[in-house]
Amino acid sequence: MMSMFTDVPFWTFFISVLAGYLLGVVSGLVPGIHTNNFALILLALSPVLSDYGFPLVCIAAMILSNAISHTFHDIIPSIFLGAPSSDMALAVLPGHALLLEGRGAEAIRLSALGSAGSVALALFIAVPMSLLFMMAYPFIQSHISWILLLIVFIMIMTERGEHVPGQGSLAHWKGRFYALLIFLLCGFLGMFAFSMEHLMRPFIDFGEPSILLPLLSGLFGSSQLIISLMSSSAIPVQLASRMELDSKRIIRGIIIGGTSGSLVAWIPGISSSVATVFARLFIKEDFDKGGSKYNGYYYEDDTVIDSAKEFIVSVSGVNTCNAIFALLALAVIGRTRSGAMVAIDGLLGDVWFDPSVILLFLCAMSLTAILSYYSTVFLGDSIHHRLSRIDYPLMCYTVLGLLFIMCLLFTGTFGLLIFVIATPMGMIASFLKIRKSHAMGVIMLPVILYFL
C-alpha cells in the first residue's frame, strides 16, 4: 500500500509542492485571484505536466499546496489594502485598525502563527473529527438550515450594541434589532446578487467569475476605506513587528479558529467565512464596533487590543484548517467542498484513498505551512518598512480605484453595480456601532433559504 508514496521521486515531489506554494503566494496577494482558478488550470494542464514527468499525485499535491499557501498570504491584502477574499472578509476591520495603530506587521505575524498552529492542530484532531463526522453527517445533512439558523440566532442575541452610560437594560435590544436589520439587508442583497449572477459579463475572463468579489469588496473593503477617509486617518509609523500577545490567547485563538474551520468543512454549502462568524462568538470584546475613530474609539485599553489580535489568529486558523479538513471530508464522506478538492478528485478518483497518498499530502501540507509561515512574515515586515512613506489618503483612493476597476474587469457592469450598492451598506454597521460580522448575512441568508 505504500508503493505510490515510495515511487514518487523526492525532487519531483518537492518541485510540485514548491510550485503550488508559489501559486498560493500569487493568489493570496493578488485580489480577485482565487485558488479555484489555479486548481482548474492545473487540472486542465495535467496531461501536459504528466508528459514532463509529474505524476498525477504530484499535480494533486501542487493543488493542495496552493490552497494551503493561499490561506497564509491572503491576510496581507486584507490588512494593507482592504481588499478581502471571501474567507478573510471579517479580518479587514481588526486588521486594518491594527495597521492604523502601528501594529500592521505584528498582525501579519499573528496571522501566520494562527495558520501554522492550525496545521499542527489539524494533525492531532484529524482522526477523531473524521470518525465523529462520519457518524454525524446524515443528521447534519438533513438539518443544515436549522443549524445555520441557530448560529444566526446566537450572533444576534450576543450583540450588545453601543454602551452608553445611563441607558437601561432594553438598550441591548436596540443593538440586536440593528443586528437583525443589517443581517436581513445584506442577506437580501446576497439573494439578489446570486440569483442574477448569470448577468455578469467580465471583460477579462480568468476562470469562473464570482459575485462574491464585488459583494465582499464592497461590504468589507471599500466601505472601511471610505470610513477611514471620513475620519482623516493616516498610517502612523509602524512599531516593531514582534508579537505582543499572551500565549494563552494565542493558543485559544488557534484552538477556536482551527476547531471552527474543521467543523464547516463537513457542512454542504458553507464556507470558512461562516466558521469565522462562529469563532467570533468566543472572543467577547467588541473590537469591531463603531468605525471611524480608530485612534480613540477602538483601542482605549489593552484588553480590546488583545481581542483584535486574538481574532486575527482565530480567522487565519479557520481558513487554513478548513482547507485541510476539506481534504478529509473528501476522503471520509466523498464530498467535495472547494474547487481544489474538485480538481484533486478529478485527478485521482478512488486512487488517492491509498494511505500512502494521504501521507504524501500530509507531508505536502506540512512543508507548505513551513514555507508559507516564513514568507508571510517576511512580506509583512517588508511592507512594514515602507508604510511610513505612504500617503494614506492617496493609498485609500488608489485602492478604491483598483477595487472599482477590478470588479468591472472581472465581473462586468453588473458586478460593478453590486459593488456600488454593497459599499454604503457595509458602512451602516459602523455607524450603528454594532458588529460588522452581521453583514455576513449576505452569504448565510441565501444558504439558509436554499436548504429550507
Protein backbone atom coordinates (compact mmCIF):
# COMPACT_ATOMS: atom_id res chain seq x y z
CA MET A 1 0.00 0.00 0.00
CA MET A 2 2.97 2.30 0.39
CA SER A 3 4.19 1.80 -3.17
CA MET A 4 2.73 5.02 -4.53
CA PHE A 5 4.44 7.07 -1.83
CA THR A 6 7.84 5.43 -2.38
CA ASP A 7 7.56 5.57 -6.19
CA VAL A 8 7.32 9.36 -6.23
CA PRO A 9 10.80 10.89 -6.76
CA PHE A 10 11.71 13.26 -3.96
CA TRP A 11 12.73 16.15 -6.20
CA THR A 12 9.58 15.82 -8.30
CA PHE A 13 7.50 15.95 -5.14
CA PHE A 14 9.48 18.91 -3.75
CA ILE A 15 9.20 20.90 -7.00
CA SER A 16 5.46 20.23 -7.10
CA VAL A 17 4.98 21.48 -3.54
CA LEU A 18 7.20 24.50 -4.21
CA ALA A 19 5.25 25.37 -7.37
CA GLY A 20 1.93 25.08 -5.53
CA TYR A 21 3.29 27.18 -2.69
CA LEU A 22 4.37 29.94 -5.11
CA LEU A 23 0.98 29.89 -6.83
CA GLY A 24 -0.58 30.31 -3.40
CA VAL A 25 1.59 33.37 -2.79
CA VAL A 26 0.29 34.89 -6.03
CA SER A 27 -3.38 34.05 -5.41
CA GLY A 28 -3.09 35.22 -1.81
CA LEU A 29 -1.51 38.58 -2.64
CA VAL A 30 -3.49 39.49 -5.76
CA PRO A 31 -7.14 40.36 -5.00
CA GLY A 32 -9.59 38.67 -7.33
CA ILE A 33 -7.48 35.56 -8.00
CA HIS A 34 -8.68 32.52 -6.08
CA THR A 35 -7.16 29.11 -5.53
CA ASN A 36 -10.02 27.64 -7.55
CA ASN A 37 -8.66 29.43 -10.63
CA PHE A 38 -5.27 27.76 -10.32
CA ALA A 39 -6.82 24.42 -9.35
CA LEU A 40 -8.86 24.28 -12.53
CA ILE A 41 -5.92 25.46 -14.64
CA LEU A 42 -3.67 22.75 -13.18
CA LEU A 43 -6.39 20.17 -13.76
CA ALA A 44 -6.60 21.24 -17.41
CA LEU A 45 -2.80 21.16 -17.76
CA SER A 46 -2.39 17.79 -16.05
CA PRO A 47 -1.81 15.86 -19.33
CA VAL A 48 0.98 18.27 -20.27
CA LEU A 49 2.54 18.14 -16.81
CA SER A 50 2.36 14.35 -16.87
CA ASP A 51 4.29 14.33 -20.12
CA TYR A 52 7.01 16.34 -18.35
CA GLY A 53 7.35 13.69 -15.65
CA PHE A 54 4.92 14.90 -12.97
CA PRO A 55 2.73 12.05 -11.67
CA LEU A 56 -0.92 12.86 -11.08
CA VAL A 57 -0.40 12.57 -7.33
CA CYS A 58 2.26 15.32 -7.52
CA ILE A 59 -0.09 17.56 -9.51
CA ALA A 60 -2.70 16.98 -6.81
CA ALA A 61 -0.10 17.86 -4.16
CA MET A 62 0.59 21.06 -6.11
CA ILE A 63 -3.11 21.99 -5.97
CA LEU A 64 -3.27 21.25 -2.25
CA SER A 65 -0.09 23.28 -1.54
CA ASN A 66 -1.61 26.18 -3.47
CA ALA A 67 -4.74 26.05 -1.28
CA ILE A 68 -2.72 25.97 1.97
CA SER A 69 -0.29 28.70 0.91
CA HIS A 70 -3.17 30.95 -0.11
CA THR A 71 -4.65 30.83 3.40
CA PHE A 72 -1.39 32.18 4.83
CA HIS A 73 -0.83 35.04 2.40
CA ASP A 74 -4.34 36.40 1.79
CA ILE A 75 -4.22 38.28 5.11
CA ILE A 76 -1.74 40.75 3.61
CA PRO A 77 -4.08 42.46 1.08
CA SER A 78 -6.91 42.20 3.61
CA ILE A 79 -4.95 44.31 6.10
CA PHE A 80 -2.88 46.61 3.92
CA LEU A 81 -5.29 47.10 1.00
CA GLY A 82 -8.73 46.38 2.43
CA ALA A 83 -9.42 44.00 -0.46
CA PRO A 84 -10.70 40.83 1.21
CA SER A 85 -11.23 37.36 -0.15
CA SER A 86 -14.41 35.60 0.88
CA ASP A 87 -12.51 33.84 3.66
CA MET A 88 -10.75 36.89 5.09
CA ALA A 89 -13.58 39.43 4.88
CA LEU A 90 -14.07 39.64 8.64
CA ALA A 91 -10.33 40.16 9.20
CA VAL A 92 -10.40 43.51 7.42
CA LEU A 93 -11.75 45.59 10.29
CA PRO A 94 -9.49 44.45 13.18
CA GLY A 95 -6.51 44.03 10.85
CA HIS A 96 -6.91 47.44 9.25
CA ALA A 97 -7.44 49.05 12.61
CA LEU A 98 -4.29 47.39 13.98
CA LEU A 99 -2.46 48.82 10.99
CA LEU A 100 -3.62 52.31 11.94
CA GLU A 101 -2.35 51.67 15.46
CA GLY A 102 1.12 50.95 14.07
CA ARG A 103 0.73 47.19 14.53
CA GLY A 104 0.25 46.01 10.94
CA ALA A 105 3.39 43.85 10.82
CA GLU A 106 2.50 42.32 14.16
CA ALA A 107 -0.96 41.44 12.80
CA ILE A 108 0.70 39.65 9.87
CA ARG A 109 2.91 37.65 12.25
CA LEU A 110 -0.06 36.69 14.38
CA SER A 111 -1.97 35.60 11.29
CA ALA A 112 0.95 33.45 10.12
CA LEU A 113 1.18 31.91 13.57
CA GLY A 114 -2.56 31.20 13.60
CA SER A 115 -2.37 29.43 10.24
CA ALA A 116 0.73 27.43 11.19
CA GLY A 117 -0.77 26.49 14.55
CA SER A 118 -3.94 25.26 12.87
CA VAL A 119 -1.90 22.89 10.71
CA ALA A 120 -0.38 21.37 13.84
CA LEU A 121 -3.83 21.22 15.47
CA ALA A 122 -5.28 19.50 12.41
CA LEU A 123 -2.76 16.70 12.68
CA PHE A 124 -3.95 15.96 16.23
CA ILE A 125 -7.71 16.17 15.71
CA ALA A 126 -7.96 14.77 12.17
CA VAL A 127 -8.74 11.17 13.14
CA PRO A 128 -11.29 11.81 15.94
CA MET A 129 -13.04 14.55 13.94
CA SER A 130 -13.25 12.32 10.89
CA LEU A 131 -14.78 9.49 12.90
CA LEU A 132 -17.22 11.85 14.61
CA PHE A 133 -18.49 13.44 11.42
CA MET A 134 -18.66 10.16 9.56
CA MET A 135 -21.32 9.18 12.09
CA ALA A 136 -22.99 12.60 12.36
CA TYR A 137 -23.04 13.55 8.67
CA PRO A 138 -26.53 12.17 7.87
CA PHE A 139 -28.02 14.24 10.70
CA ILE A 140 -26.09 17.37 9.63
CA GLN A 141 -27.17 16.98 6.03
CA SER A 142 -30.86 16.78 6.95
CA HIS A 143 -30.78 19.68 9.46
CA ILE A 144 -28.29 22.12 7.91
CA SER A 145 -30.76 25.03 7.65
CA TRP A 146 -31.70 24.74 11.34
CA ILE A 147 -28.04 24.58 12.34
CA LEU A 148 -27.40 27.82 10.47
CA LEU A 149 -30.49 29.47 11.95
CA LEU A 150 -29.19 28.61 15.41
CA ILE A 151 -25.84 30.25 14.59
CA VAL A 152 -27.62 33.39 13.35
CA PHE A 153 -29.77 33.48 16.49
CA ILE A 154 -26.67 33.30 18.70
CA MET A 155 -24.96 36.03 16.66
CA ILE A 156 -27.87 38.42 17.04
CA MET A 157 -28.64 37.69 20.69
CA THR A 158 -25.00 38.23 21.71
CA GLU A 159 -24.97 41.71 20.14
CA ARG A 160 -24.93 44.32 22.90
CA GLY A 161 -24.73 47.44 20.78
CA GLU A 162 -23.04 50.65 21.83
CA HIS A 163 -22.63 51.12 25.56
CA VAL A 164 -24.00 54.49 26.71
CA PRO A 165 -23.86 55.29 30.45
CA GLY A 166 -27.32 55.66 31.99
CA GLN A 167 -29.19 53.54 29.46
CA GLY A 168 -31.37 50.75 30.77
CA SER A 169 -31.23 47.05 30.00
CA LEU A 170 -33.51 47.47 26.99
CA ALA A 171 -30.68 49.29 25.20
CA HIS A 172 -29.23 45.91 24.28
CA TRP A 173 -32.37 45.10 22.33
CA LYS A 174 -31.78 48.14 20.15
CA GLY A 175 -28.41 46.71 19.19
CA ARG A 176 -30.00 43.32 18.48
CA PHE A 177 -32.64 44.98 16.30
CA TYR A 178 -29.91 46.76 14.35
CA ALA A 179 -28.05 43.45 14.01
CA LEU A 180 -31.13 41.73 12.61
CA LEU A 181 -31.71 44.66 10.26
CA ILE A 182 -28.16 44.53 8.89
CA PHE A 183 -28.30 40.75 8.55
CA LEU A 184 -31.54 40.91 6.56
CA LEU A 185 -30.49 43.85 4.37
CA CYS A 186 -27.23 42.20 3.44
CA GLY A 187 -29.00 38.85 3.07
CA PHE A 188 -31.48 40.29 0.58
CA LEU A 189 -28.60 41.86 -1.31
CA GLY A 190 -26.90 38.46 -1.44
CA MET A 191 -30.08 36.75 -2.64
CA PHE A 192 -30.48 39.31 -5.42
CA ALA A 193 -26.83 39.09 -6.44
CA PHE A 194 -26.69 35.28 -6.50
CA SER A 195 -29.99 34.99 -8.38
CA MET A 196 -28.71 37.43 -11.04
CA GLU A 197 -25.15 36.11 -11.17
CA HIS A 198 -25.67 35.00 -14.77
CA LEU A 199 -25.77 38.67 -15.78
CA MET A 200 -22.05 39.05 -15.12
CA ARG A 201 -20.11 39.68 -18.32
CA PRO A 202 -16.45 40.03 -17.31
CA PHE A 203 -14.14 41.94 -19.63
CA ILE A 204 -11.28 39.66 -18.56
CA ASP A 205 -12.26 36.01 -18.40
CA PHE A 206 -9.92 34.44 -15.82
CA GLY A 207 -11.68 31.34 -14.60
CA GLU A 208 -15.29 31.37 -13.46
CA PRO A 209 -16.34 34.86 -12.26
CA SER A 210 -17.69 35.06 -8.72
CA ILE A 211 -20.27 37.52 -7.47
CA LEU A 212 -18.53 37.29 -4.07
CA LEU A 213 -15.79 39.58 -5.36
CA PRO A 214 -17.95 42.74 -5.66
CA LEU A 215 -20.13 41.77 -2.69
CA LEU A 216 -17.33 41.31 -0.17
CA SER A 217 -15.08 44.03 -1.62
CA GLY A 218 -17.96 46.47 -1.15
CA LEU A 219 -19.24 45.30 2.24
CA PHE A 220 -15.86 44.85 3.91
CA GLY A 221 -13.26 46.56 1.73
CA SER A 222 -14.27 49.84 0.13
CA SER A 223 -16.72 50.67 2.92
CA GLN A 224 -13.93 50.56 5.51
CA LEU A 225 -11.59 52.60 3.32
CA ILE A 226 -14.23 55.31 2.93
CA ILE A 227 -14.81 55.40 6.69
CA SER A 228 -11.06 55.79 7.16
CA LEU A 229 -11.05 58.72 4.74
CA MET A 230 -14.01 60.32 6.53
CA SER A 231 -12.14 60.12 9.82
CA SER A 232 -8.95 61.63 8.34
CA SER A 233 -6.97 58.57 9.33
CA ALA A 234 -3.32 58.24 8.41
CA ILE A 235 -0.94 55.30 8.62
CA PRO A 236 1.38 56.05 11.54
CA VAL A 237 4.95 54.88 11.84
CA GLN A 238 4.75 51.15 12.35
CA LEU A 239 6.06 49.58 15.54
CA ALA A 240 8.46 46.66 15.72
CA SER A 241 6.91 43.53 14.26
CA ARG A 242 7.41 41.31 17.29
CA MET A 243 4.28 39.70 18.67
CA GLU A 244 2.91 41.03 21.94
CA LEU A 245 0.07 38.73 22.89
CA ASP A 246 -0.33 36.43 25.85
CA SER A 247 0.40 32.80 24.95
CA LYS A 248 -2.96 31.73 26.41
CA ARG A 249 -4.78 34.00 23.98
CA ILE A 250 -2.69 32.69 21.07
CA ILE A 251 -3.44 29.09 21.96
CA ARG A 252 -7.12 29.86 22.47
CA GLY A 253 -7.29 31.65 19.13
CA ILE A 254 -5.68 28.69 17.35
CA ILE A 255 -7.99 26.17 19.03
CA ILE A 256 -11.15 28.21 18.43
CA GLY A 257 -10.26 29.04 14.85
CA GLY A 258 -8.94 25.61 13.97
CA THR A 259 -11.89 23.79 15.51
CA SER A 260 -14.40 26.10 13.83
CA GLY A 261 -12.65 25.71 10.49
CA SER A 262 -12.68 21.94 10.81
CA LEU A 263 -16.40 21.92 11.59
CA VAL A 264 -17.66 23.73 8.49
CA ALA A 265 -15.60 21.59 6.10
CA TRP A 266 -18.21 18.87 6.58
CA ILE A 267 -21.28 21.07 6.06
CA PRO A 268 -22.59 21.48 2.49
CA GLY A 269 -22.79 24.98 1.09
CA ILE A 270 -20.85 26.57 3.93
CA SER A 271 -17.59 28.46 3.53
CA SER A 272 -14.99 29.24 6.15
CA SER A 273 -16.43 32.76 6.42
CA VAL A 274 -19.34 31.24 8.37
CA ALA A 275 -16.89 29.44 10.65
CA THR A 276 -15.24 32.82 11.26
CA VAL A 277 -18.57 34.20 12.45
CA PHE A 278 -18.91 31.23 14.79
CA ALA A 279 -15.37 31.65 16.12
CA ARG A 280 -16.08 35.34 16.73
CA LEU A 281 -18.68 34.42 19.34
CA PHE A 282 -15.96 33.16 21.68
CA ILE A 283 -13.96 36.42 21.64
CA LYS A 284 -16.04 38.66 23.83
CA GLU A 285 -14.67 42.18 23.48
CA ASP A 286 -16.45 44.19 20.80
CA PHE A 287 -13.43 45.45 18.89
CA ASP A 288 -15.36 45.61 15.64
CA LYS A 289 -18.00 48.15 16.68
CA GLY A 290 -18.02 51.76 15.78
CA GLY A 291 -15.87 52.52 12.82
CA SER A 292 -14.50 55.97 12.38
CA LYS A 293 -12.41 56.68 15.46
CA TYR A 294 -9.53 54.27 15.04
CA ASN A 295 -7.19 56.11 17.37
CA GLY A 296 -9.76 56.80 20.01
CA TYR A 297 -12.74 54.52 19.96
CA TYR A 298 -11.20 51.16 19.14
CA TYR A 299 -8.21 50.86 21.40
CA GLU A 300 -8.76 52.60 24.65
CA ASP A 301 -7.30 49.70 26.64
CA ASP A 302 -5.01 46.73 26.14
CA THR A 303 -7.85 44.23 26.54
CA VAL A 304 -9.55 45.40 23.33
CA ILE A 305 -6.20 45.46 21.51
CA ASP A 306 -5.55 41.87 22.54
CA SER A 307 -9.03 40.85 21.40
CA ALA A 308 -8.35 42.19 17.92
CA LYS A 309 -5.05 40.31 17.82
CA GLU A 310 -6.67 37.08 19.02
CA PHE A 311 -9.33 37.44 16.36
CA ILE A 312 -6.64 37.69 13.65
CA VAL A 313 -5.11 34.44 14.97
CA SER A 314 -8.55 32.83 15.00
CA VAL A 315 -9.54 33.91 11.47
CA SER A 316 -6.32 32.56 10.00
CA GLY A 317 -6.74 29.30 11.87
CA VAL A 318 -10.25 28.97 10.47
CA ASN A 319 -9.16 29.31 6.86
CA THR A 320 -6.16 27.02 6.98
CA CYS A 321 -7.87 24.28 9.00
CA ASN A 322 -10.88 24.47 6.69
CA ALA A 323 -8.64 23.86 3.68
CA ILE A 324 -7.12 20.81 5.38
CA PHE A 325 -10.40 19.30 6.53
CA ALA A 326 -11.95 19.79 3.11
CA LEU A 327 -9.49 17.11 2.03
CA LEU A 328 -10.54 14.83 4.88
CA ALA A 329 -14.21 15.41 4.05
CA LEU A 330 -13.50 14.17 0.54
CA ALA A 331 -11.82 11.08 1.97
CA VAL A 332 -14.43 10.25 4.62
CA ILE A 333 -17.79 11.20 3.09
CA GLY A 334 -16.80 11.52 -0.57
CA ARG A 335 -17.98 15.13 -0.88
CA THR A 336 -16.02 18.00 -2.43
CA ARG A 337 -16.16 21.29 -0.53
CA SER A 338 -13.95 23.51 -2.71
CA GLY A 339 -12.67 23.90 -6.24
CA ALA A 340 -9.31 22.48 -5.14
CA MET A 341 -10.98 19.30 -3.90
CA VAL A 342 -12.99 19.01 -7.11
CA ALA A 343 -9.73 19.16 -9.06
CA ILE A 344 -7.98 16.61 -6.81
CA ASP A 345 -10.94 14.24 -7.03
CA GLY A 346 -10.94 14.65 -10.82
CA LEU A 347 -7.23 13.85 -10.99
CA LEU A 348 -7.05 10.83 -8.70
CA GLY A 349 -10.56 9.43 -8.38
CA ASP A 350 -10.50 6.48 -5.97
CA VAL A 351 -6.73 6.10 -6.18
CA TRP A 352 -5.95 8.68 -3.53
CA PHE A 353 -7.68 6.66 -0.81
CA ASP A 354 -4.39 4.74 -0.66
CA PRO A 355 -2.85 5.60 2.77
CA SER A 356 0.43 6.38 1.02
CA VAL A 357 -1.26 9.20 -0.90
CA ILE A 358 -2.74 10.65 2.29
CA LEU A 359 0.72 10.50 3.88
CA LEU A 360 2.16 12.26 0.86
CA PHE A 361 -0.46 15.01 1.16
CA LEU A 362 0.26 15.44 4.87
CA CYS A 363 3.93 15.95 4.03
CA ALA A 364 2.98 18.45 1.34
CA MET A 365 0.79 20.42 3.76
CA SER A 366 3.47 20.47 6.46
CA LEU A 367 6.19 21.62 4.07
CA THR A 368 3.90 24.29 2.59
CA ALA A 369 3.00 25.54 6.07
CA ILE A 370 6.67 25.98 6.98
CA LEU A 371 7.50 27.84 3.76
CA SER A 372 4.35 29.96 3.99
CA TYR A 373 4.93 30.99 7.59
CA TYR A 374 8.34 32.49 6.87
CA SER A 375 7.35 34.14 3.59
CA THR A 376 4.24 35.70 5.14
CA VAL A 377 6.28 37.15 7.99
CA PHE A 378 8.93 38.37 5.54
CA LEU A 379 6.38 40.09 3.31
CA GLY A 380 4.68 41.66 6.30
CA ASP A 381 7.99 43.03 7.55
CA SER A 382 8.91 44.34 4.08
CA ILE A 383 5.68 46.29 3.77
CA HIS A 384 6.13 47.45 7.35
CA HIS A 385 9.36 49.30 6.47
CA ARG A 386 7.72 51.19 3.59
CA LEU A 387 4.47 52.29 5.20
CA SER A 388 5.88 55.43 6.81
CA ARG A 389 6.47 56.91 3.33
CA ILE A 390 2.94 56.24 2.12
CA ASP A 391 0.35 58.99 1.78
CA TYR A 392 -2.54 57.13 3.41
CA PRO A 393 -5.47 59.09 1.88
CA LEU A 394 -3.84 58.71 -1.54
CA MET A 395 -3.42 54.98 -0.93
CA CYS A 396 -7.10 54.69 0.08
CA TYR A 397 -8.22 56.46 -3.08
CA THR A 398 -5.87 54.31 -5.15
CA VAL A 399 -7.14 51.07 -3.63
CA LEU A 400 -10.74 52.21 -4.06
CA GLY A 401 -9.98 52.83 -7.71
CA LEU A 402 -8.34 49.43 -8.05
CA LEU A 403 -11.32 47.69 -6.43
CA PHE A 404 -13.63 49.58 -8.80
CA ILE A 405 -11.59 48.56 -11.85
CA MET A 406 -11.13 45.00 -10.62
CA CYS A 407 -14.87 44.49 -10.13
CA LEU A 408 -15.54 45.95 -13.57
CA LEU A 409 -12.93 43.79 -15.32
CA PHE A 410 -13.61 40.51 -13.53
CA THR A 411 -17.40 40.73 -13.06
CA GLY A 412 -18.58 43.26 -15.65
CA THR A 413 -21.05 46.10 -15.28
CA PHE A 414 -23.47 44.01 -13.19
CA GLY A 415 -20.71 43.15 -10.73
CA LEU A 416 -19.77 46.81 -10.58
CA LEU A 417 -23.39 47.70 -9.76
CA ILE A 418 -23.35 45.19 -6.89
CA PHE A 419 -20.08 46.69 -5.65
CA VAL A 420 -21.56 50.21 -5.68
CA ILE A 421 -24.64 49.03 -3.76
CA ALA A 422 -22.66 46.96 -1.25
CA THR A 423 -20.26 49.77 -0.32
CA PRO A 424 -22.70 52.06 1.56
CA MET A 425 -24.44 49.01 3.05
CA GLY A 426 -21.11 47.96 4.51
CA MET A 427 -20.84 51.32 6.27
CA ILE A 428 -24.16 51.04 8.11
CA ALA A 429 -22.95 48.69 10.86
CA SER A 430 -20.09 51.03 11.72
CA PHE A 431 -22.42 53.99 12.11
CA LEU A 432 -24.87 51.94 14.20
CA LYS A 433 -21.99 50.79 16.46
CA ILE A 434 -22.69 47.08 16.07
CA ARG A 435 -20.51 44.19 14.95
CA LYS A 436 -19.85 44.18 11.26
CA SER A 437 -19.91 40.40 11.20
CA HIS A 438 -23.71 40.61 10.85
CA ALA A 439 -23.11 41.67 7.25
CA MET A 440 -22.14 38.04 6.59
CA GLY A 441 -25.87 37.58 6.14
CA VAL A 442 -25.00 38.26 2.51
CA ILE A 443 -23.86 34.62 2.36
CA MET A 444 -25.69 32.99 5.25
CA LEU A 445 -29.28 34.00 4.40
CA PRO A 446 -29.15 32.69 0.80
CA VAL A 447 -27.63 29.42 2.06
CA ILE A 448 -30.30 29.03 4.76
CA LEU A 449 -33.13 29.61 2.28
CA TYR A 450 -31.55 27.22 -0.22
CA PHE A 451 -31.59 24.35 2.28
CA LEU A 452 -35.01 25.07 3.79
